[in-house]
Amino acid sequence: MLRVGLAAAMGRVLGDAADEAMEFTRRADQSAVGQSTLDHLEVVITDIATNVNRSSPADMFTVAHAYRQRIDQLIRSLHTLKESRELYVYAGWLSQELAWLAHELGNSTAAHAYAIDALEHADQAGHNELYAHAANALASITLSVKLL
């Protein structure tokens, strides 16, 4: 009798565990981001990087800053692990651009802060190319400030 009761109780626990696992799986692919948002960010970041010399630094800073804030909101929203990595990479690229733009606009404090942010996001995303660019930006900005 005791065995039957234990078997029934174990059956309920295992049934609940299966439901729980199914819920974990269902939530793993929930997102407020989506591929179209990531595609849009890719286009914007490419445009910012290629238009830096054709637009005023102040105008480019304004655009890059707005998108960097939006990416921060997306990082704080519901997204998949894969999307999280991509958002960190995009945040890093934008912060690297913002570092150079702030430096060009004469604000070494903001330039340093954005370069450090780019470095951290690159590190967290495990993105070696971005890390190298961010490290270069930080070193170059630091060196130019010390030379002044």
C-alpha atoms as a PDB file:
ATOM      1  CA  MET A   1       0.000   0.000   0.000  1.00  0.00           C
ATOM      2  CA  LEU A   2       2.814   2.365   0.878  1.00  0.00           C
ATOM      3  CA  ARG A   3       4.550   1.551  -2.407  1.00  0.00           C
ATOM      4  CA  VAL A   4       1.440   2.365  -4.399  1.00  0.00           C
ATOM      5  CA  GLY A   5       1.117   5.721  -2.608  1.00  0.00           C
ATOM      6  CA  LEU A   6       4.765   6.555  -3.224  1.00  0.00           C
ATOM      7  CA  ALA A   7       4.473   5.577  -6.877  1.00  0.00           C
ATOM      8  CA  ALA A   8       1.403   7.775  -7.300  1.00  0.00           C
ATOM      9  CA  ALA A   9       3.100  10.697  -5.572  1.00  0.00           C
ATOM     10  CA  MET A  10       6.236  10.225  -7.693  1.00  0.00           C
ATOM     11  CA  GLY A  11       4.073  10.118 -10.818  1.00  0.00           C
ATOM     12  CA  ARG A  12       2.538  13.505  -9.919  1.00  0.00           C
ATOM     13  CA  VAL A  13       5.982  14.998  -9.192  1.00  0.00           C
ATOM     14  CA  LEU A  14       7.352  13.729 -12.493  1.00  0.00           C
ATOM     15  CA  GLY A  15       4.275  14.975 -14.332  1.00  0.00           C
ATOM     16  CA  ASP A  16       4.726  18.402 -12.742  1.00  0.00           C
ATOM     17  CA  ALA A  17       8.415  18.307 -13.646  1.00  0.00           C
ATOM     18  CA  ALA A  18       7.576  17.608 -17.285  1.00  0.00           C
ATOM     19  CA  ASP A  19       5.133  20.531 -17.317  1.00  0.00           C
ATOM     20  CA  GLU A  20       7.779  22.721 -15.718  1.00  0.00           C
ATOM     21  CA  ALA A  21      10.378  21.713 -18.304  1.00  0.00           C
ATOM     22  CA  MET A  22       7.906  22.433 -21.107  1.00  0.00           C
ATOM     23  CA  GLU A  23       7.348  25.920 -19.640  1.00  0.00           C
ATOM     24  CA  PHE A  24      11.112  26.536 -19.494  1.00  0.00           C
ATOM     25  CA  THR A  25      11.351  25.565 -23.167  1.00  0.00           C
ATOM     26  CA  ARG A  26       8.397  27.752 -24.145  1.00  0.00           C
ATOM     27  CA  ARG A  27       9.895  30.802 -22.436  1.00  0.00           C
ATOM     28  CA  ALA A  28      13.361  30.250 -23.949  1.00  0.00           C
ATOM     29  CA  ASP A  29      12.252  31.542 -27.338  1.00  0.00           C
ATOM     30  CA  GLN A  30      10.035  34.411 -26.197  1.00  0.00           C
ATOM     31  CA  SER A  31      11.254  37.798 -27.289  1.00  0.00           C
ATOM     32  CA  ALA A  32      10.293  41.426 -27.619  1.00  0.00           C
ATOM     33  CA  VAL A  33      13.187  41.940 -30.035  1.00  0.00           C
ATOM     34  CA  GLY A  34      12.901  39.747 -33.129  1.00  0.00           C
ATOM     35  CA  GLN A  35      15.043  39.367 -36.217  1.00  0.00           C
ATOM     36  CA  SER A  36      13.637  42.427 -37.980  1.00  0.00           C
ATOM     37  CA  THR A  37      14.799  44.649 -35.100  1.00  0.00           C
ATOM     38  CA  LEU A  38      18.287  43.127 -35.264  1.00  0.00           C
ATOM     39  CA  ASP A  39      18.344  43.627 -39.040  1.00  0.00           C
ATOM     40  CA  HIS A  40      17.332  47.270 -38.582  1.00  0.00           C
ATOM     41  CA  LEU A  41      20.086  47.826 -36.021  1.00  0.00           C
ATOM     42  CA  GLU A  42      22.646  46.288 -38.376  1.00  0.00           C
ATOM     43  CA  VAL A  43      21.666  48.757 -41.110  1.00  0.00           C
ATOM     44  CA  VAL A  44      21.704  51.748 -38.757  1.00  0.00           C
ATOM     45  CA  ILE A  45      25.096  50.888 -37.275  1.00  0.00           C
ATOM     46  CA  THR A  46      26.600  50.375 -40.718  1.00  0.00           C
ATOM     47  CA  ASP A  47      25.126  53.700 -41.832  1.00  0.00           C
ATOM     48  CA  ILE A  48      26.524  55.521 -38.788  1.00  0.00           C
ATOM     49  CA  ALA A  49      29.971  53.996 -39.275  1.00  0.00           C
ATOM     50  CA  THR A  50      30.083  54.905 -42.962  1.00  0.00           C
ATOM     51  CA  ASN A  51      28.527  58.392 -42.668  1.00  0.00           C
ATOM     52  CA  VAL A  52      30.764  59.697 -39.887  1.00  0.00           C
ATOM     53  CA  ASN A  53      32.839  61.724 -42.363  1.00  0.00           C
ATOM     54  CA  ARG A  54      29.842  62.986 -44.355  1.00  0.00           C
ATOM     55  CA  SER A  55      27.729  64.346 -41.509  1.00  0.00           C
ATOM     56  CA  SER A  56      28.536  66.659 -38.647  1.00  0.00           C
ATOM     57  CA  PRO A  57      29.848  64.914 -35.539  1.00  0.00           C
ATOM     58  CA  ALA A  58      27.086  66.519 -33.462  1.00  0.00           C
ATOM     59  CA  ASP A  59      24.371  65.169 -35.780  1.00  0.00           C
ATOM     60  CA  MET A  60      25.925  61.697 -35.839  1.00  0.00           C
ATOM     61  CA  PHE A  61      26.324  61.752 -32.051  1.00  0.00           C
ATOM     62  CA  THR A  62      22.631  62.555 -31.643  1.00  0.00           C
ATOM     63  CA  VAL A  63      21.564  59.666 -33.870  1.00  0.00           C
ATOM     64  CA  ALA A  64      24.022  57.164 -32.388  1.00  0.00           C
ATOM     65  CA  HIS A  65      23.105  58.224 -28.844  1.00  0.00           C
ATOM     66  CA  ALA A  66      19.381  57.700 -29.484  1.00  0.00           C
ATOM     67  CA  TYR A  67      19.992  54.228 -30.899  1.00  0.00           C
ATOM     68  CA  ARG A  68      22.370  53.350 -28.062  1.00  0.00           C
ATOM     69  CA  GLN A  69      19.636  54.245 -25.563  1.00  0.00           C
ATOM     70  CA  ARG A  70      17.127  52.146 -27.498  1.00  0.00           C
ATOM     71  CA  ILE A  71      19.470  49.164 -27.478  1.00  0.00           C
ATOM     72  CA  ASP A  72      19.821  49.536 -23.720  1.00  0.00           C
ATOM     73  CA  GLN A  73      16.028  49.329 -23.457  1.00  0.00           C
ATOM     74  CA  LEU A  74      16.029  46.208 -25.631  1.00  0.00           C
ATOM     75  CA  ILE A  75      18.756  44.609 -23.490  1.00  0.00           C
ATOM     76  CA  ARG A  76      16.480  45.142 -20.488  1.00  0.00           C
ATOM     77  CA  SER A  77      13.482  43.660 -22.317  1.00  0.00           C
ATOM     78  CA  LEU A  78      12.467  40.067 -22.937  1.00  0.00           C
ATOM     79  CA  HIS A  79      14.776  38.457 -25.504  1.00  0.00           C
ATOM     80  CA  THR A  80      16.478  35.208 -26.325  1.00  0.00           C
ATOM     81  CA  LEU A  81      20.045  34.425 -25.343  1.00  0.00           C
ATOM     82  CA  LYS A  82      21.149  34.678 -28.985  1.00  0.00           C
ATOM     83  CA  GLU A  83      19.465  38.077 -29.313  1.00  0.00           C
ATOM     84  CA  SER A  84      21.122  39.197 -26.082  1.00  0.00           C
ATOM     85  CA  ARG A  85      24.554  38.548 -27.544  1.00  0.00           C
ATOM     86  CA  GLU A  86      23.679  40.454 -30.718  1.00  0.00           C
ATOM     87  CA  LEU A  87      22.299  43.370 -28.703  1.00  0.00           C
ATOM     88  CA  TYR A  88      25.509  43.518 -26.678  1.00  0.00           C
ATOM     89  CA  VAL A  89      27.525  43.566 -29.893  1.00  0.00           C
ATOM     90  CA  TYR A  90      25.392  46.354 -31.374  1.00  0.00           C
ATOM     91  CA  ALA A  91      25.623  48.309 -28.106  1.00  0.00           C
ATOM     92  CA  GLY A  92      29.396  47.928 -28.235  1.00  0.00           C
ATOM     93  CA  TRP A  93      29.682  49.113 -31.836  1.00  0.00           C
ATOM     94  CA  LEU A  94      27.515  52.141 -31.100  1.00  0.00           C
ATOM     95  CA  SER A  95      29.460  52.951 -27.942  1.00  0.00           C
ATOM     96  CA  GLN A  96      32.697  52.736 -29.902  1.00  0.00           C
ATOM     97  CA  GLU A  97      31.295  55.200 -32.473  1.00  0.00           C
ATOM     98  CA  LEU A  98      30.048  57.436 -29.657  1.00  0.00           C
ATOM     99  CA  ALA A  99      33.528  57.371 -28.107  1.00  0.00           C
ATOM    100  CA  TRP A 100      35.117  58.630 -31.309  1.00  0.00           C
ATOM    101  CA  LEU A 101      32.375  61.207 -31.855  1.00  0.00           C
ATOM    102  CA  ALA A 102      32.629  62.513 -28.271  1.00  0.00           C
ATOM    103  CA  HIS A 103      36.391  62.721 -28.689  1.00  0.00           C
ATOM    104  CA  GLU A 104      35.968  64.652 -31.929  1.00  0.00           C
ATOM    105  CA  LEU A 105      33.515  66.959 -30.185  1.00  0.00           C
ATOM    106  CA  GLY A 106      36.111  67.612 -27.477  1.00  0.00           C
ATOM    107  CA  ASN A 107      34.577  65.735 -24.551  1.00  0.00           C
ATOM    108  CA  SER A 108      37.263  63.364 -23.295  1.00  0.00           C
ATOM    109  CA  THR A 109      35.191  62.226 -20.307  1.00  0.00           C
ATOM    110  CA  ALA A 110      32.334  61.021 -22.494  1.00  0.00           C
ATOM    111  CA  ALA A 111      34.816  59.576 -24.993  1.00  0.00           C
ATOM    112  CA  HIS A 112      36.497  57.519 -22.276  1.00  0.00           C
ATOM    113  CA  ALA A 113      33.169  56.401 -20.816  1.00  0.00           C
ATOM    114  CA  TYR A 114      31.855  55.200 -24.175  1.00  0.00           C
ATOM    115  CA  ALA A 115      35.150  53.479 -25.037  1.00  0.00           C
ATOM    116  CA  ILE A 116      35.052  51.597 -21.734  1.00  0.00           C
ATOM    117  CA  ASP A 117      31.406  50.715 -22.360  1.00  0.00           C
ATOM    118  CA  ALA A 118      32.281  49.385 -25.822  1.00  0.00           C
ATOM    119  CA  LEU A 119      35.080  47.301 -24.340  1.00  0.00           C
ATOM    120  CA  GLU A 120      32.802  45.827 -21.668  1.00  0.00           C
ATOM    121  CA  HIS A 121      30.017  44.971 -24.111  1.00  0.00           C
ATOM    122  CA  ALA A 122      32.514  43.386 -26.508  1.00  0.00           C
ATOM    123  CA  ASP A 123      33.951  41.327 -23.664  1.00  0.00           C
ATOM    124  CA  GLN A 124      30.530  40.229 -22.429  1.00  0.00           C
ATOM    125  CA  ALA A 125      29.495  39.248 -25.963  1.00  0.00           C
ATOM    126  CA  GLY A 126      32.774  37.447 -26.600  1.00  0.00           C
ATOM    127  CA  HIS A 127      33.279  39.471 -29.779  1.00  0.00           C
ATOM    128  CA  ASN A 128      37.025  39.696 -30.451  1.00  0.00           C
ATOM    129  CA  GLU A 129      36.864  42.085 -33.408  1.00  0.00           C
ATOM    130  CA  LEU A 130      34.746  44.595 -31.506  1.00  0.00           C
ATOM    131  CA  TYR A 131      37.000  44.185 -28.467  1.00  0.00           C
ATOM    132  CA  ALA A 132      40.045  45.064 -30.561  1.00  0.00           C
ATOM    133  CA  HIS A 133      38.331  48.152 -32.008  1.00  0.00           C
ATOM    134  CA  ALA A 134      37.146  49.266 -28.574  1.00  0.00           C
ATOM    135  CA  ALA A 135      40.604  48.737 -27.056  1.00  0.00           C
ATOM    136  CA  ASN A 136      42.108  50.764 -29.893  1.00  0.00           C
ATOM    137  CA  ALA A 137      39.585  53.561 -29.328  1.00  0.00           C
ATOM    138  CA  LEU A 138      40.271  53.621 -25.593  1.00  0.00           C
ATOM    139  CA  ALA A 139      44.044  53.618 -26.064  1.00  0.00           C
ATOM    140  CA  SER A 140      43.962  56.258 -28.813  1.00  0.00           C
ATOM    141  CA  ILE A 141      41.632  58.552 -26.893  1.00  0.00           C
ATOM    142  CA  THR A 142      43.689  58.184 -23.719  1.00  0.00           C
ATOM    143  CA  LEU A 143      46.941  58.845 -25.559  1.00  0.00           C
ATOM    144  CA  SER A 144      45.605  61.922 -27.359  1.00  0.00           C
ATOM    145  CA  VAL A 145      44.296  63.396 -24.102  1.00  0.00           C
ATOM    146  CA  LYS A 146      47.656  62.851 -22.382  1.00  0.00           C
ATOM    147  CA  LEU A 147      49.456  64.520 -25.271  1.00  0.00           C
ATOM    148  CA  LEU A 148      47.363  67.676 -24.958  1.00  0.00           C
END
